[in-house]
Amino acid sequence: MKHASDEELLRIIKGGRFLGTSFNVSRCAGKDQLYFAAQKGEAECVTLLLASPSIDVNQARSDGVTPLRIAAGHGHAECLPLLRTTPAR
């Protein structure tokens, strides 16, 4: 199975081709898309993903890490307010 490159994943998210899928369970290259966007500091992608009703901003991985913690840990300050102010679903 071929996994999408980082650039391909960003194009998919920015192109809105994720609509109608569950991003909390859908994986690409082993990464949840919201975690991926937060890790990369892609505020535009984070915003697009958070607009989807299938996203749970507070869903933690098995190790307890959330997208907010990922963004903070990678120094992506532009993503922090987006992840902090989005209500949990």
C-alpha atoms as a PDB file:
ATOM      1  CA  MET A   1       0.000   0.000   0.000  1.00  0.00           C
ATOM      2  CA  LYS A   2       1.393   3.384  -1.016  1.00  0.00           C
ATOM      3  CA  HIS A   3       1.179   6.112   1.599  1.00  0.00           C
ATOM      4  CA  ALA A   4       0.708   9.754   0.672  1.00  0.00           C
ATOM      5  CA  SER A   5       3.678  12.044   1.058  1.00  0.00           C
ATOM      6  CA  ASP A   6       3.433  15.008   3.412  1.00  0.00           C
ATOM      7  CA  GLU A   7       2.839  17.299   0.438  1.00  0.00           C
ATOM      8  CA  GLU A   8       0.098  15.045  -0.938  1.00  0.00           C
ATOM      9  CA  LEU A   9      -1.628  14.939   2.440  1.00  0.00           C
ATOM     10  CA  LEU A  10      -1.589  18.725   2.696  1.00  0.00           C
ATOM     11  CA  ARG A  11      -3.064  19.026  -0.814  1.00  0.00           C
ATOM     12  CA  ILE A  12      -5.814  16.556   0.097  1.00  0.00           C
ATOM     13  CA  ILE A  13      -6.716  18.488   3.232  1.00  0.00           C
ATOM     14  CA  LYS A  14      -6.549  21.915   1.569  1.00  0.00           C
ATOM     15  CA  GLY A  15      -8.577  20.620  -1.373  1.00  0.00           C
ATOM     16  CA  GLY A  16     -11.387  19.546   0.916  1.00  0.00           C
ATOM     17  CA  ARG A  17     -11.234  15.927  -0.226  1.00  0.00           C
ATOM     18  CA  PHE A  18     -11.453  14.805   3.399  1.00  0.00           C
ATOM     19  CA  LEU A  19     -15.112  15.809   3.712  1.00  0.00           C
ATOM     20  CA  GLY A  20     -17.393  12.968   4.706  1.00  0.00           C
ATOM     21  CA  THR A  21     -14.642  10.876   6.238  1.00  0.00           C
ATOM     22  CA  SER A  22     -13.848  10.283   9.877  1.00  0.00           C
ATOM     23  CA  PHE A  23     -10.515  11.879  10.589  1.00  0.00           C
ATOM     24  CA  ASN A  24     -10.379  10.523  14.097  1.00  0.00           C
ATOM     25  CA  VAL A  25     -10.020   6.985  12.799  1.00  0.00           C
ATOM     26  CA  SER A  26      -8.793   7.466   9.234  1.00  0.00           C
ATOM     27  CA  ARG A  27      -5.032   7.079   8.980  1.00  0.00           C
ATOM     28  CA  CYS A  28      -2.554   7.982   6.311  1.00  0.00           C
ATOM     29  CA  ALA A  29       1.058   6.906   6.773  1.00  0.00           C
ATOM     30  CA  GLY A  30       0.069   6.018  10.336  1.00  0.00           C
ATOM     31  CA  LYS A  31      -0.875   9.593  11.269  1.00  0.00           C
ATOM     32  CA  ASP A  32      -4.232  11.085  12.060  1.00  0.00           C
ATOM     33  CA  GLN A  33      -4.723  14.104   9.805  1.00  0.00           C
ATOM     34  CA  LEU A  34      -5.365  16.590  12.633  1.00  0.00           C
ATOM     35  CA  TYR A  35      -2.230  15.413  14.438  1.00  0.00           C
ATOM     36  CA  PHE A  36      -0.326  15.650  11.164  1.00  0.00           C
ATOM     37  CA  ALA A  37      -1.480  19.220  10.472  1.00  0.00           C
ATOM     38  CA  ALA A  38      -0.751  20.262  14.075  1.00  0.00           C
ATOM     39  CA  GLN A  39       2.712  18.686  13.945  1.00  0.00           C
ATOM     40  CA  LYS A  40       3.522  20.450  10.675  1.00  0.00           C
ATOM     41  CA  GLY A  41       2.172  23.804  11.905  1.00  0.00           C
ATOM     42  CA  GLU A  42      -0.330  23.967   9.052  1.00  0.00           C
ATOM     43  CA  ALA A  43      -2.827  26.414  10.566  1.00  0.00           C
ATOM     44  CA  GLU A  44      -4.894  26.511   7.352  1.00  0.00           C
ATOM     45  CA  CYS A  45      -5.264  22.731   7.399  1.00  0.00           C
ATOM     46  CA  VAL A  46      -6.045  22.714  11.124  1.00  0.00           C
ATOM     47  CA  THR A  47      -8.800  25.273  10.499  1.00  0.00           C
ATOM     48  CA  LEU A  48     -10.268  23.233   7.624  1.00  0.00           C
ATOM     49  CA  LEU A  49     -10.179  20.021   9.619  1.00  0.00           C
ATOM     50  CA  LEU A  50     -11.733  21.585  12.712  1.00  0.00           C
ATOM     51  CA  ALA A  51     -14.690  22.716  10.587  1.00  0.00           C
ATOM     52  CA  SER A  52     -15.573  19.062  10.003  1.00  0.00           C
ATOM     53  CA  PRO A  53     -18.183  17.687  12.423  1.00  0.00           C
ATOM     54  CA  SER A  54     -16.315  14.372  12.546  1.00  0.00           C
ATOM     55  CA  ILE A  55     -13.284  15.941  14.251  1.00  0.00           C
ATOM     56  CA  ASP A  56     -12.876  15.669  18.014  1.00  0.00           C
ATOM     57  CA  VAL A  57     -10.203  18.220  18.881  1.00  0.00           C
ATOM     58  CA  ASN A  58      -9.636  16.628  22.289  1.00  0.00           C
ATOM     59  CA  GLN A  59      -9.232  13.043  21.142  1.00  0.00           C
ATOM     60  CA  ALA A  60      -5.963  11.813  22.589  1.00  0.00           C
ATOM     61  CA  ARG A  61      -3.734   9.121  21.185  1.00  0.00           C
ATOM     62  CA  SER A  62      -3.127   5.989  23.253  1.00  0.00           C
ATOM     63  CA  ASP A  63      -0.240   7.782  24.981  1.00  0.00           C
ATOM     64  CA  GLY A  64      -2.525  10.657  26.045  1.00  0.00           C
ATOM     65  CA  VAL A  65      -1.125  13.201  23.577  1.00  0.00           C
ATOM     66  CA  THR A  66      -3.617  15.591  21.935  1.00  0.00           C
ATOM     67  CA  PRO A  67      -3.226  17.690  18.768  1.00  0.00           C
ATOM     68  CA  LEU A  68      -2.807  20.767  21.026  1.00  0.00           C
ATOM     69  CA  ARG A  69       0.139  19.163  22.790  1.00  0.00           C
ATOM     70  CA  ILE A  70       1.648  18.115  19.449  1.00  0.00           C
ATOM     71  CA  ALA A  71       1.446  21.677  18.095  1.00  0.00           C
ATOM     72  CA  ALA A  72       2.851  23.154  21.309  1.00  0.00           C
ATOM     73  CA  GLY A  73       5.654  20.613  21.417  1.00  0.00           C
ATOM     74  CA  HIS A  74       6.711  21.523  17.902  1.00  0.00           C
ATOM     75  CA  GLY A  75       6.538  25.266  18.573  1.00  0.00           C
ATOM     76  CA  HIS A  76       3.600  25.983  16.251  1.00  0.00           C
ATOM     77  CA  ALA A  77       2.070  28.918  18.102  1.00  0.00           C
ATOM     78  CA  GLU A  78      -0.215  29.768  15.159  1.00  0.00           C
ATOM     79  CA  CYS A  79      -2.117  26.490  15.688  1.00  0.00           C
ATOM     80  CA  LEU A  80      -2.546  26.782  19.462  1.00  0.00           C
ATOM     81  CA  PRO A  81      -5.465  29.261  19.569  1.00  0.00           C
ATOM     82  CA  LEU A  82      -7.301  27.228  16.914  1.00  0.00           C
ATOM     83  CA  LEU A  83      -6.973  24.044  18.924  1.00  0.00           C
ATOM     84  CA  ARG A  84      -7.717  25.705  22.277  1.00  0.00           C
ATOM     85  CA  THR A  85     -10.899  27.522  21.243  1.00  0.00           C
ATOM     86  CA  THR A  86     -12.592  24.760  19.267  1.00  0.00           C
ATOM     87  CA  PRO A  87     -15.325  23.128  21.355  1.00  0.00           C
ATOM     88  CA  ALA A  88     -15.152  19.380  21.853  1.00  0.00           C
ATOM     89  CA  ARG A  89     -17.683  17.292  19.919  1.00  0.00           C
END
